[in-house]
């Protein structure tokens, strides 16, 4: 396997190309690093605002500051079920801490009531959007060899 040459972001994401021209990724190490950053960000938010701010404000901060870091670049990478569950676990643990519960039914209810989508759902939506735009680009520019 050889690293893909040229683009700095590809090298930063550790994308490699195998003999069959399939792009493989090494998401497990990167995913662990992202999860630790998310925990750091969430703890920083809790440290700044504590329990003073409402749950809506805290969730908005997590959605706007933490989720983009967690999801960056994952919409174009193939992820298996284990990867998606691991990403969801980060958010579920955050909800457990925010609402002081260990009951998953309560966590799911709170996520539903606050309209907070799990990373696995967001990644599927982002992948669908990416593929639709890619197909439209190919049709608009007659790029059938891409």
N, C-alpha and C. Protein backbone atom coordinates (compact mmCIF):
# COMPACT_ATOMS: atom_id res chain seq x y z
N UNK A 1 0.83 -1.18 0.00
CA UNK A 1 0.00 0.00 0.00
C UNK A 1 0.87 1.24 0.00
N UNK A 2 0.45 2.21 -0.77
CA UNK A 2 1.18 3.47 -0.83
C UNK A 2 0.27 4.61 -0.44
N UNK A 3 0.80 5.61 0.27
CA UNK A 3 -0.04 6.77 0.60
C UNK A 3 -0.43 7.51 -0.66
N UNK A 4 -1.63 8.07 -0.65
CA UNK A 4 -2.08 8.88 -1.78
C UNK A 4 -1.26 10.16 -1.78
N UNK A 5 -0.71 10.49 -2.92
CA UNK A 5 0.14 11.66 -3.04
C UNK A 5 -0.69 12.89 -3.40
N UNK A 6 -0.16 14.03 -3.09
CA UNK A 6 -0.75 15.25 -3.59
C UNK A 6 -1.45 16.09 -2.57
N UNK A 7 -2.57 15.66 -2.09
CA UNK A 7 -3.40 16.54 -1.27
C UNK A 7 -3.06 16.37 0.20
N UNK A 8 -2.85 17.48 0.87
CA UNK A 8 -2.41 17.47 2.26
C UNK A 8 -3.47 16.86 3.18
N UNK A 9 -4.77 17.13 2.92
CA UNK A 9 -5.80 16.60 3.78
C UNK A 9 -5.89 15.08 3.66
N UNK A 10 -5.65 14.55 2.48
CA UNK A 10 -5.66 13.10 2.34
C UNK A 10 -4.56 12.48 3.19
N UNK A 11 -3.38 13.10 3.17
CA UNK A 11 -2.30 12.57 3.99
C UNK A 11 -2.61 12.73 5.47
N UNK A 12 -3.27 13.83 5.84
CA UNK A 12 -3.61 14.04 7.24
C UNK A 12 -4.63 13.03 7.73
N UNK A 13 -5.51 12.59 6.83
CA UNK A 13 -6.51 11.61 7.22
C UNK A 13 -5.99 10.18 7.11
N UNK A 14 -4.75 10.02 6.64
CA UNK A 14 -4.11 8.72 6.49
C UNK A 14 -4.87 7.82 5.53
N UNK A 15 -5.22 8.35 4.37
CA UNK A 15 -5.85 7.55 3.35
C UNK A 15 -4.77 6.83 2.55
N UNK A 16 -5.00 5.59 2.24
CA UNK A 16 -4.06 4.83 1.41
C UNK A 16 -4.82 4.15 0.29
N UNK A 17 -4.08 3.80 -0.75
CA UNK A 17 -4.67 3.18 -1.92
C UNK A 17 -4.04 1.81 -2.08
N UNK A 18 -4.86 0.75 -2.18
CA UNK A 18 -4.29 -0.58 -2.33
C UNK A 18 -4.17 -0.95 -3.80
N UNK A 19 -3.75 -2.19 -4.08
CA UNK A 19 -3.47 -2.62 -5.45
C UNK A 19 -4.72 -2.61 -6.34
N UNK A 20 -5.90 -2.75 -5.78
CA UNK A 20 -7.13 -2.77 -6.57
C UNK A 20 -7.73 -1.38 -6.74
N UNK A 21 -6.97 -0.33 -6.44
CA UNK A 21 -7.41 1.06 -6.55
C UNK A 21 -8.59 1.40 -5.64
N UNK A 22 -8.77 0.67 -4.57
CA UNK A 22 -9.76 1.01 -3.57
C UNK A 22 -9.09 1.86 -2.50
N UNK A 23 -9.80 2.86 -2.07
CA UNK A 23 -9.24 3.72 -1.02
C UNK A 23 -9.61 3.11 0.33
N UNK A 24 -8.61 2.89 1.13
CA UNK A 24 -8.83 2.39 2.48
C UNK A 24 -8.48 3.50 3.45
N UNK A 25 -9.02 3.42 4.60
CA UNK A 25 -8.71 4.43 5.61
C UNK A 25 -8.40 3.74 6.93
N UNK A 26 -7.71 4.46 7.74
CA UNK A 26 -7.37 3.97 9.06
C UNK A 26 -8.09 4.85 10.07
N UNK A 27 -9.36 4.54 10.27
CA UNK A 27 -10.21 5.42 11.04
C UNK A 27 -10.12 5.14 12.53
N UNK A 28 -9.71 3.95 12.92
CA UNK A 28 -9.78 3.59 14.33
C UNK A 28 -8.91 4.50 15.20
N UNK A 29 -7.68 4.73 14.82
CA UNK A 29 -6.80 5.59 15.61
C UNK A 29 -7.31 7.03 15.59
N UNK A 30 -7.68 7.50 14.40
CA UNK A 30 -8.20 8.86 14.27
C UNK A 30 -9.50 9.02 15.06
N UNK A 31 -10.33 7.99 15.02
CA UNK A 31 -11.60 8.05 15.72
C UNK A 31 -11.37 8.16 17.22
N UNK A 32 -10.41 7.42 17.77
CA UNK A 32 -10.11 7.49 19.19
C UNK A 32 -9.62 8.89 19.55
N UNK A 33 -8.78 9.47 18.69
CA UNK A 33 -8.28 10.82 18.94
C UNK A 33 -9.44 11.81 18.92
N UNK A 34 -10.35 11.67 17.95
CA UNK A 34 -11.51 12.56 17.88
C UNK A 34 -12.38 12.42 19.12
N UNK A 35 -12.59 11.19 19.57
CA UNK A 35 -13.42 10.97 20.75
C UNK A 35 -12.80 11.64 21.96
N UNK A 36 -11.49 11.55 22.11
CA UNK A 36 -10.86 12.18 23.26
C UNK A 36 -10.98 13.70 23.17
N UNK A 37 -10.90 14.27 21.96
CA UNK A 37 -11.12 15.71 21.80
C UNK A 37 -12.55 16.09 22.16
N UNK A 38 -13.50 15.26 21.77
CA UNK A 38 -14.90 15.55 22.08
C UNK A 38 -15.11 15.57 23.58
N UNK A 39 -14.52 14.59 24.28
CA UNK A 39 -14.64 14.58 25.74
C UNK A 39 -13.99 15.83 26.33
N UNK A 40 -12.85 16.24 25.79
CA UNK A 40 -12.19 17.45 26.27
C UNK A 40 -13.06 18.69 26.02
N UNK A 41 -13.64 18.79 24.81
CA UNK A 41 -14.50 19.92 24.49
C UNK A 41 -15.73 19.95 25.39
N UNK A 42 -16.36 18.79 25.56
CA UNK A 42 -17.56 18.73 26.39
C UNK A 42 -17.23 19.10 27.83
N UNK A 43 -16.11 18.61 28.33
CA UNK A 43 -15.71 18.97 29.70
C UNK A 43 -15.37 20.45 29.81
N UNK A 44 -14.79 21.02 28.77
CA UNK A 44 -14.50 22.46 28.77
C UNK A 44 -15.80 23.27 28.80
N UNK A 45 -16.78 22.82 28.04
CA UNK A 45 -18.08 23.50 28.04
C UNK A 45 -18.71 23.41 29.43
N UNK A 46 -18.69 22.20 30.00
CA UNK A 46 -19.23 22.04 31.35
C UNK A 46 -18.44 22.89 32.35
N UNK A 47 -17.13 22.96 32.16
CA UNK A 47 -16.31 23.75 33.08
C UNK A 47 -16.62 25.23 33.01
N UNK A 48 -16.91 25.73 31.82
CA UNK A 48 -17.21 27.16 31.65
C UNK A 48 -18.60 27.53 32.14
N UNK A 49 -19.58 26.74 31.68
CA UNK A 49 -20.96 27.12 31.99
C UNK A 49 -21.54 26.30 33.13
N UNK A 50 -20.94 25.15 33.42
CA UNK A 50 -21.41 24.31 34.50
C UNK A 50 -22.87 23.93 34.34
N UNK A 51 -23.57 23.92 35.42
CA UNK A 51 -25.01 23.62 35.39
C UNK A 51 -25.85 24.89 35.38
N UNK A 52 -25.17 26.03 35.19
CA UNK A 52 -25.88 27.30 35.19
C UNK A 52 -26.76 27.44 33.95
N UNK A 53 -26.19 27.10 32.79
CA UNK A 53 -26.93 27.24 31.53
C UNK A 53 -27.95 26.12 31.39
N UNK A 54 -28.95 26.38 30.59
CA UNK A 54 -29.99 25.38 30.36
C UNK A 54 -29.45 24.25 29.47
N UNK A 55 -30.20 23.18 29.44
CA UNK A 55 -29.82 22.04 28.60
C UNK A 55 -29.81 22.43 27.12
N UNK A 56 -30.73 23.32 26.73
CA UNK A 56 -30.80 23.75 25.33
C UNK A 56 -29.51 24.45 24.91
N UNK A 57 -29.02 25.32 25.78
CA UNK A 57 -27.79 26.06 25.47
C UNK A 57 -26.61 25.11 25.41
N UNK A 58 -26.51 24.20 26.37
CA UNK A 58 -25.42 23.23 26.39
C UNK A 58 -25.44 22.35 25.14
N UNK A 59 -26.62 21.87 24.78
CA UNK A 59 -26.73 21.03 23.59
C UNK A 59 -26.41 21.80 22.32
N UNK A 60 -26.81 23.06 22.26
CA UNK A 60 -26.47 23.88 21.09
C UNK A 60 -24.95 24.04 20.97
N UNK A 61 -24.28 24.27 22.08
CA UNK A 61 -22.82 24.39 22.05
C UNK A 61 -22.17 23.09 21.62
N UNK A 62 -22.67 21.98 22.11
CA UNK A 62 -22.11 20.68 21.72
C UNK A 62 -22.35 20.43 20.23
N UNK A 63 -23.56 20.76 19.78
CA UNK A 63 -23.90 20.54 18.37
C UNK A 63 -23.07 21.43 17.44
N UNK A 64 -22.80 22.65 17.87
CA UNK A 64 -22.09 23.58 16.98
C UNK A 64 -20.57 23.50 17.12
N UNK A 65 -20.06 23.08 18.27
CA UNK A 65 -18.61 23.07 18.49
C UNK A 65 -18.00 21.67 18.46
N UNK A 66 -18.70 20.68 18.98
CA UNK A 66 -18.12 19.34 19.11
C UNK A 66 -18.43 18.42 17.93
N UNK A 67 -19.68 18.43 17.48
CA UNK A 67 -20.04 17.52 16.39
C UNK A 67 -19.25 17.74 15.11
N UNK A 68 -18.98 18.97 14.69
CA UNK A 68 -18.17 19.13 13.48
C UNK A 68 -16.79 18.49 13.59
N UNK A 69 -16.19 18.54 14.77
CA UNK A 69 -14.88 17.91 14.96
C UNK A 69 -15.02 16.40 14.87
N UNK A 70 -16.07 15.87 15.46
CA UNK A 70 -16.29 14.43 15.46
C UNK A 70 -16.57 13.91 14.06
N UNK A 71 -17.31 14.67 13.27
CA UNK A 71 -17.77 14.20 11.96
C UNK A 71 -16.88 14.60 10.79
N UNK A 72 -15.87 15.41 11.02
CA UNK A 72 -15.06 15.95 9.93
C UNK A 72 -14.48 14.83 9.06
N UNK A 73 -14.84 14.85 7.79
CA UNK A 73 -14.29 13.94 6.81
C UNK A 73 -14.86 12.54 6.82
N UNK A 74 -15.74 12.23 7.74
CA UNK A 74 -16.26 10.86 7.82
C UNK A 74 -17.35 10.57 6.81
N UNK A 75 -17.91 11.61 6.19
CA UNK A 75 -18.96 11.38 5.21
C UNK A 75 -18.43 10.78 3.91
N UNK A 76 -17.14 10.85 3.68
CA UNK A 76 -16.57 10.26 2.47
C UNK A 76 -15.76 9.00 2.74
N UNK A 77 -15.70 8.59 3.99
CA UNK A 77 -14.97 7.38 4.37
C UNK A 77 -15.94 6.24 4.64
N UNK A 78 -15.57 5.04 4.23
CA UNK A 78 -16.43 3.90 4.55
C UNK A 78 -16.31 3.55 6.04
N UNK A 79 -17.43 3.45 6.71
CA UNK A 79 -17.46 3.11 8.12
C UNK A 79 -18.31 1.87 8.32
N UNK A 80 -17.84 0.98 9.20
CA UNK A 80 -18.65 -0.19 9.49
C UNK A 80 -19.55 0.10 10.69
N UNK A 81 -20.36 -0.87 11.04
CA UNK A 81 -21.34 -0.69 12.12
C UNK A 81 -20.63 -0.40 13.44
N UNK A 82 -19.52 -1.04 13.68
CA UNK A 82 -18.78 -0.82 14.92
C UNK A 82 -18.28 0.62 15.02
N UNK A 83 -17.80 1.17 13.92
CA UNK A 83 -17.35 2.57 13.90
C UNK A 83 -18.50 3.52 14.23
N UNK A 84 -19.65 3.27 13.62
CA UNK A 84 -20.81 4.13 13.85
C UNK A 84 -21.30 4.05 15.29
N UNK A 85 -21.30 2.84 15.84
CA UNK A 85 -21.72 2.68 17.25
C UNK A 85 -20.76 3.39 18.18
N UNK A 86 -19.49 3.34 17.84
CA UNK A 86 -18.49 4.01 18.67
C UNK A 86 -18.70 5.52 18.67
N UNK A 87 -19.04 6.08 17.51
CA UNK A 87 -19.32 7.51 17.43
C UNK A 87 -20.59 7.87 18.21
N UNK A 88 -21.60 7.02 18.11
CA UNK A 88 -22.84 7.25 18.85
C UNK A 88 -22.60 7.17 20.36
N UNK A 89 -21.69 6.30 20.77
CA UNK A 89 -21.40 6.13 22.19
C UNK A 89 -20.93 7.43 22.82
N UNK A 90 -20.13 8.18 22.09
CA UNK A 90 -19.62 9.45 22.61
C UNK A 90 -20.77 10.38 22.96
N UNK A 91 -21.73 10.50 22.06
CA UNK A 91 -22.87 11.38 22.29
C UNK A 91 -23.77 10.83 23.38
N UNK A 92 -24.00 9.53 23.39
CA UNK A 92 -24.83 8.93 24.43
C UNK A 92 -24.24 9.16 25.82
N UNK A 93 -22.92 9.03 25.94
CA UNK A 93 -22.28 9.27 27.23
C UNK A 93 -22.41 10.74 27.65
N UNK A 94 -22.32 11.62 26.67
CA UNK A 94 -22.50 13.03 26.97
C UNK A 94 -23.91 13.29 27.51
N UNK A 95 -24.91 12.70 26.87
CA UNK A 95 -26.29 12.87 27.35
C UNK A 95 -26.45 12.27 28.74
N UNK A 96 -25.81 11.15 29.00
CA UNK A 96 -25.88 10.54 30.33
C UNK A 96 -25.32 11.50 31.39
N UNK A 97 -24.24 12.17 31.05
CA UNK A 97 -23.65 13.11 31.98
C UNK A 97 -24.52 14.35 32.14
N UNK A 98 -25.05 14.86 31.05
CA UNK A 98 -25.85 16.08 31.09
C UNK A 98 -27.13 15.88 31.88
N UNK A 99 -27.79 14.74 31.69
CA UNK A 99 -29.07 14.49 32.35
C UNK A 99 -28.96 13.59 33.57
N UNK A 100 -27.73 13.28 33.95
CA UNK A 100 -27.45 12.52 35.17
C UNK A 100 -28.24 11.22 35.24
N UNK A 101 -28.10 10.41 34.18
CA UNK A 101 -28.80 9.13 34.12
C UNK A 101 -27.92 8.09 33.43
N UNK A 102 -28.18 6.84 33.72
CA UNK A 102 -27.51 5.74 33.02
C UNK A 102 -28.51 4.88 32.25
N UNK A 103 -29.74 5.32 32.18
CA UNK A 103 -30.79 4.56 31.52
C UNK A 103 -30.88 5.01 30.06
N UNK A 104 -30.63 4.06 29.15
CA UNK A 104 -30.59 4.40 27.72
C UNK A 104 -31.94 4.87 27.19
N UNK A 105 -33.03 4.35 27.74
CA UNK A 105 -34.35 4.81 27.29
C UNK A 105 -34.53 6.31 27.59
N UNK A 106 -34.04 6.73 28.72
CA UNK A 106 -34.11 8.15 29.08
C UNK A 106 -33.24 8.98 28.15
N UNK A 107 -32.05 8.47 27.85
CA UNK A 107 -31.13 9.16 26.94
C UNK A 107 -31.78 9.31 25.57
N UNK A 108 -32.35 8.23 25.05
CA UNK A 108 -33.01 8.27 23.73
C UNK A 108 -34.18 9.24 23.74
N UNK A 109 -34.95 9.24 24.83
CA UNK A 109 -36.08 10.16 24.95
C UNK A 109 -35.61 11.61 24.93
N UNK A 110 -34.55 11.89 25.67
CA UNK A 110 -34.01 13.27 25.70
C UNK A 110 -33.48 13.68 24.33
N UNK A 111 -32.79 12.78 23.65
CA UNK A 111 -32.28 13.08 22.32
C UNK A 111 -33.44 13.38 21.36
N UNK A 112 -34.50 12.61 21.49
CA UNK A 112 -35.67 12.81 20.64
C UNK A 112 -36.36 14.14 20.96
N UNK A 113 -36.51 14.45 22.23
CA UNK A 113 -37.20 15.67 22.63
C UNK A 113 -36.42 16.93 22.25
N UNK A 114 -35.10 16.85 22.29
CA UNK A 114 -34.28 18.01 21.94
C UNK A 114 -33.91 18.03 20.46
N UNK A 115 -34.36 17.03 19.69
CA UNK A 115 -34.06 16.99 18.26
C UNK A 115 -32.59 16.79 17.95
N UNK A 116 -31.91 16.03 18.80
CA UNK A 116 -30.47 15.81 18.65
C UNK A 116 -30.25 14.49 17.94
N UNK A 117 -29.70 14.55 16.73
CA UNK A 117 -29.47 13.34 15.95
C UNK A 117 -28.09 12.76 16.26
N UNK A 118 -28.03 11.44 16.30
CA UNK A 118 -26.77 10.75 16.56
C UNK A 118 -25.84 10.87 15.36
N UNK A 119 -24.53 10.75 15.59
CA UNK A 119 -23.58 10.83 14.48
C UNK A 119 -23.85 9.82 13.37
N UNK A 120 -24.31 8.62 13.71
CA UNK A 120 -24.59 7.63 12.67
C UNK A 120 -25.67 8.11 11.71
N UNK A 121 -26.67 8.80 12.22
CA UNK A 121 -27.74 9.34 11.36
C UNK A 121 -27.21 10.51 10.55
N UNK A 122 -26.43 11.38 11.18
CA UNK A 122 -25.88 12.54 10.47
C UNK A 122 -24.92 12.12 9.36
N UNK A 123 -24.12 11.09 9.61
CA UNK A 123 -23.17 10.63 8.60
C UNK A 123 -23.90 10.07 7.39
N UNK A 124 -24.97 9.31 7.62
CA UNK A 124 -25.75 8.77 6.50
C UNK A 124 -26.34 9.91 5.67
N UNK A 125 -26.89 10.92 6.34
CA UNK A 125 -27.44 12.08 5.61
C UNK A 125 -26.36 12.81 4.83
N UNK A 126 -25.21 13.00 5.45
CA UNK A 126 -24.12 13.71 4.77
C UNK A 126 -23.57 12.90 3.60
N UNK A 127 -23.49 11.58 3.75
CA UNK A 127 -23.04 10.73 2.64
C UNK A 127 -24.01 10.81 1.48
N UNK A 128 -25.30 10.74 1.77
CA UNK A 128 -26.31 10.83 0.71
C UNK A 128 -26.22 12.16 -0.02
N UNK A 129 -26.03 13.23 0.73
CA UNK A 129 -25.90 14.56 0.13
C UNK A 129 -24.64 14.64 -0.73
N UNK A 130 -23.53 14.09 -0.23
CA UNK A 130 -22.28 14.09 -0.98
C UNK A 130 -22.42 13.31 -2.28
N UNK A 131 -23.01 12.12 -2.21
CA UNK A 131 -23.18 11.31 -3.41
C UNK A 131 -24.11 11.96 -4.42
N UNK A 132 -25.18 12.60 -3.95
CA UNK A 132 -26.09 13.28 -4.86
C UNK A 132 -25.39 14.43 -5.56
N UNK A 133 -24.59 15.19 -4.83
CA UNK A 133 -23.86 16.31 -5.44
C UNK A 133 -22.80 15.79 -6.42
N UNK A 134 -22.16 14.68 -6.07
CA UNK A 134 -21.15 14.09 -6.94
C UNK A 134 -21.78 13.60 -8.24
N UNK A 135 -22.90 12.93 -8.14
CA UNK A 135 -23.59 12.45 -9.34
C UNK A 135 -24.05 13.62 -10.20
N UNK A 136 -24.57 14.66 -9.57
CA UNK A 136 -25.01 15.84 -10.32
C UNK A 136 -23.83 16.51 -11.01
N UNK A 137 -22.70 16.57 -10.35
CA UNK A 137 -21.50 17.15 -10.94
C UNK A 137 -21.08 16.36 -12.17
N UNK A 138 -21.10 15.03 -12.06
CA UNK A 138 -20.73 14.19 -13.19
C UNK A 138 -21.68 14.41 -14.36
N UNK A 139 -22.98 14.53 -14.08
CA UNK A 139 -23.95 14.76 -15.15
C UNK A 139 -23.78 16.14 -15.78
N UNK A 140 -23.55 17.15 -14.94
CA UNK A 140 -23.41 18.51 -15.44
C UNK A 140 -22.16 18.71 -16.30
N UNK A 141 -21.10 17.99 -15.97
CA UNK A 141 -19.83 18.18 -16.65
C UNK A 141 -19.46 17.01 -17.58
N UNK A 142 -20.40 16.12 -17.81
CA UNK A 142 -20.17 14.97 -18.69
C UNK A 142 -18.89 14.22 -18.32
N UNK A 143 -18.71 14.00 -17.06
CA UNK A 143 -17.51 13.30 -16.56
C UNK A 143 -17.88 11.86 -16.27
N UNK A 144 -17.92 11.05 -17.30
CA UNK A 144 -18.32 9.65 -17.11
C UNK A 144 -17.15 8.76 -16.76
N UNK A 145 -15.92 9.26 -16.81
CA UNK A 145 -14.75 8.45 -16.52
C UNK A 145 -14.23 8.65 -15.11
N UNK A 146 -14.92 9.41 -14.28
CA UNK A 146 -14.47 9.64 -12.91
C UNK A 146 -14.70 8.44 -12.04
